[in-house]
Amino acid sequence: MKKGITLLTITVIAICLAMVSSAPESPPYTVVHSQSDFEIRLYGTSVWMSAPALYISFEKASWDGFHRLFQFTEGANLNFSRIPMTVPVLTTTVPGAGPLKSQGYYVSLYLPVKFQGNPPLPLPELNIRPYEFTTHCVAVRKFSGFANDERIVKEAEKLATSLSRSPWAQSKTRRGYSIAQYNTPIRIVNRKNEVWVDIDAPQLGCESVGISTY
């Protein structure tokens, strides 16, 4: 077996084992509105680790960002802390024109509650920073299968259409669309993915998302 293939295989297996070894923690939320094709969730204040990934391809950006975040969780931080994997892995677009017409991406991983008060500092070469998101509302559309470049555009367009027919037609915020992935690469069936977009919905208990860095 070639060395390059061996290294890639070992990396993927390690990531998969880390994600399935125990039930992963997720950011808590409340569903404040539900329809047949989308729902609106209210997320509380939380800390995420985010890695910019300036690729044209969503798939390449997701892999690059997650690979760096995985190194961080395995101890590539100034505290040498091992951090449990969480879900989802969130790949967010830097907004361009229309659903997922991106000028770039950043990939984020929810930080477990245990570490949120004092987030471990990533090694500088990883180019990862902690971000605190204040309470905000997210419109969510669920979809199965693998999240690839072609599929995510279709799902984002469907969510945009649903919102255009709802009371929140003009309420999308300046943040781009996000793709939330919940499963390891080795899972083939019953995969769980979501497309998210932040909305300004004060009538549901939240306004535009606020973001602050550490």
N, C-alpha and C. Protein backbone atom coordinates (compact mmCIF):
# COMPACT_ATOMS: atom_id res chain seq x y z
N MET A 1 0.84 -1.19 0.00
CA MET A 1 0.00 0.00 0.00
C MET A 1 0.88 1.24 0.00
N LYS A 2 0.50 2.25 -0.79
CA LYS A 2 1.31 3.45 -0.88
C LYS A 2 1.26 4.24 0.43
N LYS A 3 2.35 4.95 0.71
CA LYS A 3 2.44 5.69 1.96
C LYS A 3 1.35 6.73 2.07
N GLY A 4 1.07 7.47 0.96
CA GLY A 4 0.04 8.51 0.99
C GLY A 4 -1.32 7.94 1.33
N ILE A 5 -1.64 6.80 0.73
CA ILE A 5 -2.92 6.17 1.00
C ILE A 5 -2.98 5.68 2.43
N THR A 6 -1.88 5.13 2.93
CA THR A 6 -1.83 4.64 4.30
C THR A 6 -2.08 5.78 5.29
N LEU A 7 -1.44 6.91 5.10
CA LEU A 7 -1.60 8.04 6.00
C LEU A 7 -3.03 8.55 5.98
N LEU A 8 -3.62 8.66 4.79
CA LEU A 8 -5.00 9.12 4.69
C LEU A 8 -5.94 8.16 5.39
N THR A 9 -5.73 6.85 5.19
CA THR A 9 -6.59 5.85 5.80
C THR A 9 -6.52 5.92 7.32
N ILE A 10 -5.30 6.04 7.85
CA ILE A 10 -5.13 6.13 9.30
C ILE A 10 -5.82 7.36 9.85
N THR A 11 -5.70 8.49 9.15
CA THR A 11 -6.32 9.72 9.60
C THR A 11 -7.83 9.60 9.65
N VAL A 12 -8.42 9.06 8.58
CA VAL A 12 -9.87 8.90 8.53
C VAL A 12 -10.36 7.97 9.62
N ILE A 13 -9.67 6.84 9.83
CA ILE A 13 -10.07 5.90 10.87
C ILE A 13 -10.00 6.55 12.24
N ALA A 14 -8.95 7.32 12.49
CA ALA A 14 -8.81 7.99 13.78
C ALA A 14 -9.94 8.97 14.02
N ILE A 15 -10.31 9.72 12.99
CA ILE A 15 -11.40 10.67 13.11
C ILE A 15 -12.70 9.94 13.40
N CYS A 16 -12.95 8.87 12.66
CA CYS A 16 -14.18 8.11 12.83
C CYS A 16 -14.29 7.52 14.23
N LEU A 17 -13.20 6.93 14.73
CA LEU A 17 -13.22 6.34 16.05
C LEU A 17 -13.47 7.38 17.12
N ALA A 18 -12.88 8.56 16.94
CA ALA A 18 -13.07 9.63 17.92
C ALA A 18 -14.52 10.09 17.97
N MET A 19 -15.19 10.07 16.83
CA MET A 19 -16.56 10.57 16.76
C MET A 19 -17.59 9.54 17.22
N VAL A 20 -17.26 8.25 17.13
CA VAL A 20 -18.25 7.23 17.48
C VAL A 20 -17.96 6.54 18.81
N SER A 21 -16.88 6.91 19.47
CA SER A 21 -16.51 6.23 20.71
C SER A 21 -17.51 6.49 21.83
N SER A 22 -18.23 7.61 21.78
CA SER A 22 -19.24 7.92 22.77
C SER A 22 -20.25 8.87 22.14
N ALA A 23 -21.39 9.02 22.79
CA ALA A 23 -22.41 9.92 22.27
C ALA A 23 -21.88 11.35 22.29
N PRO A 24 -21.72 11.99 21.14
CA PRO A 24 -21.12 13.32 21.12
C PRO A 24 -22.06 14.40 21.64
N GLU A 25 -21.48 15.41 22.23
CA GLU A 25 -22.24 16.55 22.74
C GLU A 25 -22.63 17.46 21.58
N SER A 26 -23.80 18.10 21.68
CA SER A 26 -24.29 19.03 20.67
C SER A 26 -24.75 20.32 21.34
N PRO A 27 -24.77 21.43 20.63
CA PRO A 27 -25.28 22.67 21.23
C PRO A 27 -26.78 22.55 21.50
N PRO A 28 -27.24 22.89 22.68
CA PRO A 28 -28.67 22.77 22.99
C PRO A 28 -29.50 23.82 22.26
N TYR A 29 -30.73 23.47 21.92
CA TYR A 29 -31.63 24.40 21.25
C TYR A 29 -33.06 24.05 21.57
N THR A 30 -33.96 25.00 21.23
CA THR A 30 -35.40 24.79 21.36
C THR A 30 -36.04 25.06 20.00
N VAL A 31 -36.91 24.17 19.55
CA VAL A 31 -37.65 24.40 18.31
C VAL A 31 -38.78 25.37 18.62
N VAL A 32 -38.76 26.55 18.00
CA VAL A 32 -39.77 27.58 18.28
C VAL A 32 -40.79 27.70 17.16
N HIS A 33 -40.54 27.05 16.03
CA HIS A 33 -41.51 27.02 14.93
C HIS A 33 -41.20 25.82 14.06
N SER A 34 -42.24 25.12 13.59
CA SER A 34 -42.01 23.94 12.77
C SER A 34 -43.02 23.89 11.63
N GLN A 35 -42.51 23.58 10.42
CA GLN A 35 -43.33 23.34 9.25
C GLN A 35 -42.89 22.02 8.62
N SER A 36 -43.58 21.60 7.58
CA SER A 36 -43.26 20.30 6.99
C SER A 36 -41.87 20.26 6.38
N ASP A 37 -41.39 21.40 5.88
CA ASP A 37 -40.12 21.40 5.15
C ASP A 37 -38.99 22.16 5.84
N PHE A 38 -39.25 22.81 6.95
CA PHE A 38 -38.17 23.44 7.72
C PHE A 38 -38.65 23.74 9.12
N GLU A 39 -37.71 24.03 10.01
CA GLU A 39 -38.04 24.45 11.36
C GLU A 39 -37.14 25.61 11.76
N ILE A 40 -37.55 26.31 12.79
CA ILE A 40 -36.74 27.40 13.33
C ILE A 40 -36.35 27.04 14.75
N ARG A 41 -35.05 27.09 15.01
CA ARG A 41 -34.50 26.74 16.32
C ARG A 41 -33.95 27.98 17.01
N LEU A 42 -34.12 28.00 18.31
CA LEU A 42 -33.52 29.03 19.15
C LEU A 42 -32.32 28.42 19.86
N TYR A 43 -31.14 28.88 19.50
CA TYR A 43 -29.90 28.43 20.14
C TYR A 43 -29.46 29.45 21.18
N GLY A 44 -28.96 28.95 22.30
CA GLY A 44 -28.44 29.83 23.33
C GLY A 44 -27.01 30.25 23.04
N THR A 45 -26.47 31.08 23.90
CA THR A 45 -25.08 31.52 23.76
C THR A 45 -24.14 30.33 23.88
N SER A 46 -23.18 30.24 22.96
CA SER A 46 -22.26 29.10 22.96
C SER A 46 -20.94 29.49 22.31
N VAL A 47 -19.91 28.71 22.59
CA VAL A 47 -18.58 28.95 22.04
C VAL A 47 -18.26 27.87 21.01
N TRP A 48 -17.77 28.31 19.85
CA TRP A 48 -17.36 27.41 18.78
C TRP A 48 -15.92 27.72 18.40
N MET A 49 -15.21 26.71 17.92
CA MET A 49 -13.87 26.91 17.37
C MET A 49 -14.01 26.96 15.84
N SER A 50 -13.47 28.00 15.23
CA SER A 50 -13.68 28.20 13.79
C SER A 50 -12.36 28.30 13.05
N ALA A 51 -12.33 27.64 11.87
CA ALA A 51 -11.13 27.61 11.03
C ALA A 51 -11.49 28.13 9.64
N PRO A 52 -10.93 29.25 9.19
CA PRO A 52 -11.19 29.69 7.82
C PRO A 52 -10.58 28.72 6.83
N ALA A 53 -11.31 28.48 5.74
CA ALA A 53 -10.85 27.55 4.70
C ALA A 53 -11.21 28.14 3.35
N LEU A 54 -10.25 28.77 2.73
CA LEU A 54 -10.52 29.55 1.51
C LEU A 54 -10.38 28.69 0.27
N TYR A 55 -11.35 27.80 0.07
CA TYR A 55 -11.40 26.97 -1.13
C TYR A 55 -12.67 27.29 -1.90
N ILE A 56 -12.63 27.08 -3.21
CA ILE A 56 -13.85 27.23 -4.01
C ILE A 56 -14.80 26.09 -3.70
N SER A 57 -14.28 24.90 -3.46
CA SER A 57 -15.09 23.71 -3.23
C SER A 57 -15.50 23.59 -1.77
N PHE A 58 -16.79 23.39 -1.54
CA PHE A 58 -17.30 23.14 -0.20
C PHE A 58 -16.66 21.90 0.40
N GLU A 59 -16.53 20.84 -0.40
CA GLU A 59 -15.99 19.59 0.11
C GLU A 59 -14.54 19.74 0.54
N LYS A 60 -13.73 20.43 -0.26
CA LYS A 60 -12.33 20.63 0.10
C LYS A 60 -12.20 21.53 1.33
N ALA A 61 -13.04 22.57 1.38
CA ALA A 61 -13.00 23.47 2.53
C ALA A 61 -13.37 22.72 3.81
N SER A 62 -14.41 21.87 3.73
CA SER A 62 -14.85 21.12 4.90
C SER A 62 -13.76 20.18 5.39
N TRP A 63 -13.09 19.50 4.46
CA TRP A 63 -12.03 18.56 4.85
C TRP A 63 -10.85 19.30 5.48
N ASP A 64 -10.43 20.40 4.85
CA ASP A 64 -9.28 21.14 5.38
C ASP A 64 -9.58 21.70 6.76
N GLY A 65 -10.75 22.35 6.91
CA GLY A 65 -11.09 22.94 8.20
C GLY A 65 -11.25 21.89 9.28
N PHE A 66 -11.92 20.78 8.96
CA PHE A 66 -12.12 19.74 9.97
C PHE A 66 -10.81 19.08 10.36
N HIS A 67 -9.91 18.87 9.40
CA HIS A 67 -8.63 18.26 9.71
C HIS A 67 -7.87 19.10 10.74
N ARG A 68 -7.90 20.42 10.60
CA ARG A 68 -7.22 21.29 11.56
C ARG A 68 -7.93 21.29 12.92
N LEU A 69 -9.27 21.30 12.89
CA LEU A 69 -10.02 21.25 14.14
C LEU A 69 -9.78 19.93 14.87
N PHE A 70 -9.66 18.84 14.11
CA PHE A 70 -9.39 17.55 14.72
C PHE A 70 -8.03 17.54 15.42
N GLN A 71 -7.03 18.15 14.78
CA GLN A 71 -5.72 18.26 15.43
C GLN A 71 -5.84 19.02 16.75
N PHE A 72 -6.62 20.10 16.73
CA PHE A 72 -6.83 20.89 17.95
C PHE A 72 -7.45 20.04 19.05
N THR A 73 -8.49 19.25 18.73
CA THR A 73 -9.14 18.44 19.75
C THR A 73 -8.25 17.32 20.27
N GLU A 74 -7.28 16.89 19.45
CA GLU A 74 -6.38 15.81 19.86
C GLU A 74 -5.18 16.31 20.66
N GLY A 75 -5.13 17.62 20.95
CA GLY A 75 -4.07 18.12 21.81
C GLY A 75 -3.19 19.19 21.22
N ALA A 76 -3.45 19.61 19.97
CA ALA A 76 -2.64 20.66 19.35
C ALA A 76 -3.13 22.03 19.84
N ASN A 77 -2.99 22.22 21.14
CA ASN A 77 -3.35 23.49 21.77
C ASN A 77 -2.35 23.77 22.89
N LEU A 78 -2.33 24.99 23.35
CA LEU A 78 -1.31 25.39 24.32
C LEU A 78 -1.49 24.72 25.68
N ASN A 79 -2.67 24.16 25.93
CA ASN A 79 -2.93 23.44 27.18
C ASN A 79 -2.65 21.95 27.05
N PHE A 80 -2.39 21.47 25.83
CA PHE A 80 -2.25 20.05 25.54
C PHE A 80 -3.49 19.26 25.98
N SER A 81 -4.66 19.89 25.87
CA SER A 81 -5.91 19.28 26.30
C SER A 81 -6.48 18.38 25.21
N ARG A 82 -6.97 17.21 25.60
CA ARG A 82 -7.75 16.36 24.70
C ARG A 82 -9.21 16.75 24.86
N ILE A 83 -9.85 17.10 23.77
CA ILE A 83 -11.21 17.63 23.81
C ILE A 83 -12.15 16.66 23.10
N PRO A 84 -13.21 16.21 23.74
CA PRO A 84 -14.14 15.28 23.09
C PRO A 84 -14.74 15.88 21.82
N MET A 85 -14.91 15.03 20.80
CA MET A 85 -15.55 15.48 19.59
C MET A 85 -17.02 15.82 19.85
N THR A 86 -17.53 16.80 19.13
CA THR A 86 -18.93 17.19 19.22
C THR A 86 -19.54 17.15 17.82
N VAL A 87 -20.84 17.31 17.74
CA VAL A 87 -21.54 17.44 16.47
C VAL A 87 -22.51 18.61 16.58
N PRO A 88 -22.81 19.28 15.46
CA PRO A 88 -22.34 18.97 14.11
C PRO A 88 -21.02 19.66 13.80
N VAL A 89 -20.41 19.25 12.67
CA VAL A 89 -19.34 20.04 12.05
C VAL A 89 -20.05 21.00 11.11
N LEU A 90 -19.79 22.28 11.29
CA LEU A 90 -20.55 23.31 10.57
C LEU A 90 -19.64 24.01 9.57
N THR A 91 -19.99 23.94 8.29
CA THR A 91 -19.24 24.65 7.24
C THR A 91 -20.11 25.81 6.76
N THR A 92 -19.63 27.03 6.99
CA THR A 92 -20.41 28.24 6.71
C THR A 92 -19.78 29.02 5.57
N THR A 93 -20.63 29.55 4.71
CA THR A 93 -20.13 30.32 3.58
C THR A 93 -19.88 31.77 3.98
N VAL A 94 -18.87 32.37 3.38
CA VAL A 94 -18.71 33.82 3.40
C VAL A 94 -19.62 34.33 2.29
N PRO A 95 -20.68 35.08 2.61
CA PRO A 95 -21.76 35.30 1.65
C PRO A 95 -21.33 35.91 0.34
N GLY A 96 -21.89 35.36 -0.74
CA GLY A 96 -21.80 35.95 -2.06
C GLY A 96 -23.22 36.19 -2.53
N ALA A 97 -23.51 36.01 -3.81
CA ALA A 97 -24.85 36.22 -4.35
C ALA A 97 -25.59 34.88 -4.40
N GLY A 98 -26.80 34.84 -3.78
CA GLY A 98 -27.62 33.64 -3.86
C GLY A 98 -27.16 32.56 -2.90
N PRO A 99 -27.97 31.49 -2.76
CA PRO A 99 -27.62 30.40 -1.85
C PRO A 99 -26.28 29.75 -2.17
N LEU A 100 -25.37 29.81 -1.20
CA LEU A 100 -24.07 29.14 -1.29
C LEU A 100 -23.19 29.64 -2.42
N LYS A 101 -23.42 30.85 -2.93
CA LYS A 101 -22.45 31.48 -3.82
C LYS A 101 -21.41 32.12 -2.92
N SER A 102 -20.39 31.35 -2.61
CA SER A 102 -19.49 31.72 -1.52
C SER A 102 -18.21 32.38 -2.00
N GLN A 103 -17.74 33.33 -1.20
CA GLN A 103 -16.42 33.92 -1.41
C GLN A 103 -15.37 33.21 -0.57
N GLY A 104 -15.79 32.21 0.15
CA GLY A 104 -14.90 31.46 1.02
C GLY A 104 -15.73 30.73 2.06
N TYR A 105 -15.07 30.01 2.96
CA TYR A 105 -15.76 29.22 3.96
C TYR A 105 -15.03 29.33 5.29
N TYR A 106 -15.75 29.01 6.36
CA TYR A 106 -15.09 28.70 7.61
C TYR A 106 -15.80 27.52 8.25
N VAL A 107 -15.01 26.66 8.86
CA VAL A 107 -15.50 25.41 9.42
C VAL A 107 -15.45 25.51 10.94
N SER A 108 -16.55 25.13 11.60
CA SER A 108 -16.65 25.34 13.04
C SER A 108 -17.04 24.06 13.76
N LEU A 109 -16.59 23.97 15.00
CA LEU A 109 -16.89 22.83 15.86
C LEU A 109 -17.31 23.36 17.22
N TYR A 110 -18.45 22.91 17.71
CA TYR A 110 -18.97 23.32 19.00
C TYR A 110 -18.03 22.88 20.11
N LEU A 111 -17.72 23.79 21.02
CA LEU A 111 -16.82 23.47 22.13
C LEU A 111 -17.64 22.91 23.30
N PRO A 112 -17.26 21.74 23.85
CA PRO A 112 -18.02 21.18 24.97
C PRO A 112 -18.15 22.17 26.13
N VAL A 113 -19.26 22.06 26.83
CA VAL A 113 -19.57 22.98 27.93
C VAL A 113 -18.41 23.07 28.92
N LYS A 114 -17.76 21.95 29.18
CA LYS A 114 -16.65 21.90 30.13
C LYS A 114 -15.55 22.90 29.80
N PHE A 115 -15.36 23.20 28.51
CA PHE A 115 -14.25 24.05 28.08
C PHE A 115 -14.69 25.47 27.70
N GLN A 116 -15.99 25.77 27.77
CA GLN A 116 -16.45 27.05 27.25
C GLN A 116 -16.04 28.25 28.09
N GLY A 117 -15.90 28.05 29.39
CA GLY A 117 -15.52 29.17 30.23
C GLY A 117 -14.11 29.66 29.98
N ASN A 118 -13.22 28.75 29.60
CA ASN A 118 -11.82 29.09 29.34
C ASN A 118 -11.32 28.23 28.19
N PRO A 119 -11.65 28.59 26.94
CA PRO A 119 -11.31 27.75 25.79
C PRO A 119 -9.80 27.56 25.65
N PRO A 120 -9.34 26.32 25.44
CA PRO A 120 -7.91 26.10 25.18
C PRO A 120 -7.49 26.87 23.93
N LEU A 121 -6.29 27.41 23.95
CA LEU A 121 -5.79 28.18 22.81
C LEU A 121 -5.14 27.26 21.79
N PRO A 122 -5.61 27.28 20.54
CA PRO A 122 -5.02 26.41 19.51
C PRO A 122 -3.59 26.83 19.20
N LEU A 123 -2.79 25.89 18.70
CA LEU A 123 -1.46 26.26 18.21
C LEU A 123 -1.62 27.26 17.07
N PRO A 124 -0.79 28.30 17.02
CA PRO A 124 -0.97 29.38 16.04
C PRO A 124 -1.02 28.90 14.59
N GLU A 125 -0.23 27.87 14.26
CA GLU A 125 -0.16 27.42 12.88
C GLU A 125 -1.46 26.80 12.38
N LEU A 126 -2.36 26.44 13.27
CA LEU A 126 -3.64 25.87 12.85
C LEU A 126 -4.61 26.93 12.35
N ASN A 127 -4.38 28.19 12.70
CA ASN A 127 -5.25 29.29 12.28
C ASN A 127 -6.71 29.02 12.68
N ILE A 128 -6.90 28.76 13.97
CA ILE A 128 -8.23 28.51 14.54
C ILE A 128 -8.46 29.53 15.65
N ARG A 129 -9.70 30.01 15.73
CA ARG A 129 -10.02 30.96 16.80
C ARG A 129 -11.35 30.59 17.44
N PRO A 130 -11.49 30.85 18.76
CA PRO A 130 -12.79 30.65 19.40
C PRO A 130 -13.71 31.83 19.14
N TYR A 131 -14.98 31.53 18.90
CA TYR A 131 -15.99 32.55 18.69
C TYR A 131 -17.16 32.27 19.63
N GLU A 132 -17.71 33.32 20.20
CA GLU A 132 -18.91 33.18 21.02
C GLU A 132 -20.11 33.68 20.23
N PHE A 133 -21.10 32.81 20.04
CA PHE A 133 -22.34 33.20 19.39
C PHE A 133 -23.38 33.47 20.47
N THR A 134 -24.01 34.65 20.42
CA THR A 134 -25.07 34.94 21.37
C THR A 134 -26.35 34.26 20.92
N THR A 135 -27.37 34.31 21.77
CA THR A 135 -28.65 33.69 21.47
C THR A 135 -29.15 34.12 20.10
N HIS A 136 -29.54 33.15 19.28
CA HIS A 136 -29.98 33.47 17.92
C HIS A 136 -30.91 32.40 17.38
N CYS A 137 -31.63 32.75 16.30
CA CYS A 137 -32.55 31.82 15.65
C CYS A 137 -31.96 31.33 14.34
N VAL A 138 -32.17 30.06 14.05
CA VAL A 138 -31.66 29.45 12.84
C VAL A 138 -32.81 28.71 12.13
N ALA A 139 -33.01 29.01 10.85
CA ALA A 139 -33.94 28.23 10.03
C ALA A 139 -33.18 27.02 9.51
N VAL A 140 -33.77 25.84 9.65
CA VAL A 140 -33.07 24.58 9.39
C VAL A 140 -33.89 23.69 8.44
N ARG A 141 -33.21 23.17 7.41
CA ARG A 141 -33.80 22.15 6.55
C ARG A 141 -32.95 20.89 6.66
N LYS A 142 -33.57 19.75 6.91
CA LYS A 142 -32.86 18.49 7.06
C LYS A 142 -32.76 17.77 5.72
N PHE A 143 -31.64 17.07 5.52
CA PHE A 143 -31.52 16.22 4.34
C PHE A 143 -30.57 15.06 4.63
N SER A 144 -30.72 13.98 3.88
CA SER A 144 -29.94 12.78 4.12
C SER A 144 -28.85 12.64 3.06
N GLY A 145 -28.14 11.52 3.10
CA GLY A 145 -27.10 11.27 2.11
C GLY A 145 -25.81 12.01 2.43
N PHE A 146 -24.95 12.11 1.43
CA PHE A 146 -23.68 12.81 1.61
C PHE A 146 -23.82 14.26 1.16
N ALA A 147 -23.22 15.15 1.94
CA ALA A 147 -23.25 16.58 1.62
C ALA A 147 -22.11 16.88 0.66
N ASN A 148 -22.43 17.01 -0.63
CA ASN A 148 -21.41 17.35 -1.61
C ASN A 148 -21.74 18.69 -2.25
N ASP A 149 -20.86 19.17 -3.11
CA ASP A 149 -21.02 20.52 -3.66
C ASP A 149 -22.34 20.70 -4.40
N GLU A 150 -22.75 19.71 -5.15
CA GLU A 150 -23.98 19.82 -5.93
C GLU A 150 -25.22 19.74 -5.03
N ARG A 151 -25.21 18.81 -4.10
CA ARG A 151 -26.38 18.58 -3.26
C ARG A 151 -26.67 19.77 -2.34
N ILE A 152 -25.64 20.36 -1.77
CA ILE A 152 -25.88 21.42 -0.79
C ILE A 152 -26.51 22.65 -1.42
N VAL A 153 -26.16 22.94 -2.69
CA VAL A 153 -26.77 24.08 -3.37
C VAL A 153 -28.27 23.85 -3.54
N LYS A 154 -28.66 22.64 -3.93
CA LYS A 154 -30.08 22.33 -4.10
C LYS A 154 -30.84 22.46 -2.79
N GLU A 155 -30.23 21.97 -1.71
CA GLU A 155 -30.91 22.02 -0.41
C GLU A 155 -31.01 23.46 0.09
N ALA A 156 -29.98 24.27 -0.13
CA ALA A 156 -30.03 25.68 0.28
C ALA A 156 -31.09 26.43 -0.52
N GLU A 157 -31.21 26.13 -1.80
CA GLU A 157 -32.24 26.77 -2.63
C GLU A 157 -33.64 26.39 -2.15
N LYS A 158 -33.82 25.14 -1.73
CA LYS A 158 -35.12 24.71 -1.21
C LYS A 158 -35.46 25.45 0.09
N LEU A 159 -34.47 25.62 0.96
CA LEU A 159 -34.71 26.36 2.20
C LEU A 159 -35.03 27.82 1.88
N ALA A 160 -34.31 28.42 0.94
CA ALA A 160 -34.57 29.81 0.56
C ALA A 160 -35.99 29.96 0.02
N THR A 161 -36.45 28.99 -0.78
CA THR A 161 -37.81 29.03 -1.31
C THR A 161 -38.83 28.93 -0.20
N SER A 162 -38.61 28.02 0.74
CA SER A 162 -39.53 27.87 1.87
C SER A 162 -39.62 29.16 2.68
N LEU A 163 -38.49 29.77 2.94
CA LEU A 163 -38.50 31.02 3.72
C LEU A 163 -39.19 32.15 2.96
N SER A 164 -39.06 32.15 1.64
CA SER A 164 -39.68 33.22 0.84
C SER A 164 -41.21 33.18 0.92
N ARG A 165 -41.75 32.03 1.31
CA ARG A 165 -43.20 31.86 1.42
C ARG A 165 -43.67 31.95 2.87
N SER A 166 -42.77 32.33 3.76
CA SER A 166 -43.07 32.36 5.18
C SER A 166 -43.03 33.79 5.71
N PRO A 167 -43.42 34.00 6.97
CA PRO A 167 -43.32 35.34 7.55
C PRO A 167 -41.89 35.86 7.68
N TRP A 168 -40.90 34.99 7.44
CA TRP A 168 -39.50 35.38 7.61
C TRP A 168 -38.80 35.59 6.26
N ALA A 169 -39.57 35.95 5.25
CA ALA A 169 -39.04 36.10 3.89
C ALA A 169 -37.92 37.13 3.82
N GLN A 170 -37.99 38.18 4.65
CA GLN A 170 -36.99 39.25 4.60
C GLN A 170 -36.11 39.28 5.84
N SER A 171 -36.05 38.16 6.55
CA SER A 171 -35.41 38.20 7.87
C SER A 171 -34.04 37.54 7.92
N LYS A 172 -33.52 37.05 6.78
CA LYS A 172 -32.20 36.43 6.81
C LYS A 172 -31.14 37.45 7.19
N THR A 173 -30.15 37.02 7.97
CA THR A 173 -29.08 37.92 8.40
C THR A 173 -27.95 37.93 7.37
N ARG A 174 -26.93 38.69 7.65
CA ARG A 174 -25.81 38.82 6.72
C ARG A 174 -24.90 37.59 6.70
N ARG A 175 -24.99 36.75 7.71
CA ARG A 175 -24.18 35.53 7.71
C ARG A 175 -24.65 34.62 6.58
N GLY A 176 -23.74 33.84 6.05
CA GLY A 176 -24.07 32.96 4.95
C GLY A 176 -24.77 31.70 5.40
N TYR A 177 -25.06 30.85 4.44
CA TYR A 177 -25.65 29.53 4.72
C TYR A 177 -24.58 28.64 5.36
N SER A 178 -25.06 27.72 6.19
CA SER A 178 -24.17 26.74 6.81
C SER A 178 -24.69 25.34 6.52
N ILE A 179 -23.75 24.41 6.38
CA ILE A 179 -24.09 22.99 6.24
C ILE A 179 -23.61 22.27 7.50
N ALA A 180 -24.55 21.66 8.20
CA ALA A 180 -24.25 20.92 9.43
C ALA A 180 -24.19 19.43 9.10
N GLN A 181 -23.05 18.80 9.42
CA GLN A 181 -22.87 17.37 9.17
C GLN A 181 -22.69 16.65 10.50
N TYR A 182 -23.42 15.55 10.67
CA TYR A 182 -23.48 14.87 11.96
C TYR A 182 -22.81 13.50 11.97
N ASN A 183 -22.45 12.97 10.82
CA ASN A 183 -21.98 11.58 10.76
C ASN A 183 -20.53 11.47 10.32
N THR A 184 -19.91 10.34 10.66
CA THR A 184 -18.55 10.06 10.24
C THR A 184 -18.55 9.66 8.76
N PRO A 185 -17.39 9.75 8.09
CA PRO A 185 -17.33 9.36 6.67
C PRO A 185 -17.65 7.90 6.40
N ILE A 186 -17.49 7.03 7.41
CA ILE A 186 -17.71 5.61 7.17
C ILE A 186 -19.19 5.21 7.25
N ARG A 187 -20.04 6.13 7.67
CA ARG A 187 -21.47 5.81 7.71
C ARG A 187 -22.07 6.02 6.33
N ILE A 188 -22.72 5.00 5.79
CA ILE A 188 -23.24 5.06 4.43
C ILE A 188 -24.73 5.36 4.40
N VAL A 189 -25.52 4.76 5.30
CA VAL A 189 -26.97 4.93 5.28
C VAL A 189 -27.42 5.75 6.48
N ASN A 190 -28.64 6.29 6.38
CA ASN A 190 -29.25 7.07 7.46
C ASN A 190 -28.36 8.22 7.92
N ARG A 191 -27.76 8.88 6.96
CA ARG A 191 -26.92 10.03 7.29
C ARG A 191 -27.77 11.25 7.61
N LYS A 192 -27.29 12.07 8.50
CA LYS A 192 -28.03 13.26 8.93
C LYS A 192 -27.24 14.52 8.57
N ASN A 193 -27.86 15.38 7.78
CA ASN A 193 -27.28 16.67 7.42
C ASN A 193 -28.37 17.74 7.55
N GLU A 194 -27.93 18.98 7.65
CA GLU A 194 -28.87 20.10 7.70
C GLU A 194 -28.27 21.30 6.99
N VAL A 195 -29.12 22.13 6.42
CA VAL A 195 -28.69 23.43 5.93
C VAL A 195 -29.31 24.48 6.86
N TRP A 196 -28.47 25.41 7.33
CA TRP A 196 -28.88 26.43 8.29
C TRP A 196 -28.76 27.82 7.66
N VAL A 197 -29.62 28.72 8.10
CA VAL A 197 -29.41 30.14 7.84
C VAL A 197 -29.96 30.91 9.03
N ASP A 198 -29.18 31.85 9.53
CA ASP A 198 -29.60 32.67 10.67
C ASP A 198 -30.67 33.66 10.23
N ILE A 199 -31.67 33.84 11.08
CA ILE A 199 -32.72 34.80 10.78
C ILE A 199 -32.94 35.72 11.96
N ASP A 200 -33.46 36.89 11.66
CA ASP A 200 -33.82 37.88 12.67
C ASP A 200 -35.30 37.66 12.98
N ALA A 201 -35.60 37.11 14.14
CA ALA A 201 -36.98 36.76 14.48
C ALA A 201 -37.30 37.15 15.92
N PRO A 202 -37.40 38.46 16.20
CA PRO A 202 -37.67 38.89 17.58
C PRO A 202 -38.99 38.36 18.12
N GLN A 203 -39.96 38.10 17.22
CA GLN A 203 -41.25 37.57 17.69
C GLN A 203 -41.13 36.15 18.24
N LEU A 204 -40.00 35.50 17.92
CA LEU A 204 -39.76 34.14 18.43
C LEU A 204 -38.76 34.15 19.58
N GLY A 205 -38.33 35.33 19.99
CA GLY A 205 -37.47 35.42 21.16
C GLY A 205 -36.01 35.67 20.89
N CYS A 206 -35.65 35.99 19.64
CA CYS A 206 -34.24 36.26 19.36
C CYS A 206 -34.12 37.21 18.19
N GLU A 207 -32.97 37.86 18.12
CA GLU A 207 -32.69 38.80 17.06
C GLU A 207 -31.44 38.34 16.31
N SER A 208 -30.88 39.23 15.49
CA SER A 208 -29.72 38.86 14.69
C SER A 208 -28.60 38.32 15.56
N VAL A 209 -27.90 37.32 15.05
CA VAL A 209 -26.85 36.69 15.82
C VAL A 209 -25.70 37.66 16.07
N GLY A 210 -25.19 37.63 17.29
CA GLY A 210 -24.01 38.40 17.61
C GLY A 210 -22.81 37.47 17.73
N ILE A 211 -21.67 37.92 17.25
CA ILE A 211 -20.46 37.09 17.27
C ILE A 211 -19.34 37.90 17.89
N SER A 212 -18.65 37.32 18.85
CA SER A 212 -17.49 37.99 19.43
C SER A 212 -16.34 37.01 19.51
N THR A 213 -15.13 37.51 19.32
CA THR A 213 -13.95 36.66 19.40
C THR A 213 -13.30 36.81 20.76
N TYR A 214 -12.44 35.85 21.09
CA TYR A 214 -11.72 35.89 22.36
C TYR A 214 -10.38 36.58 22.18
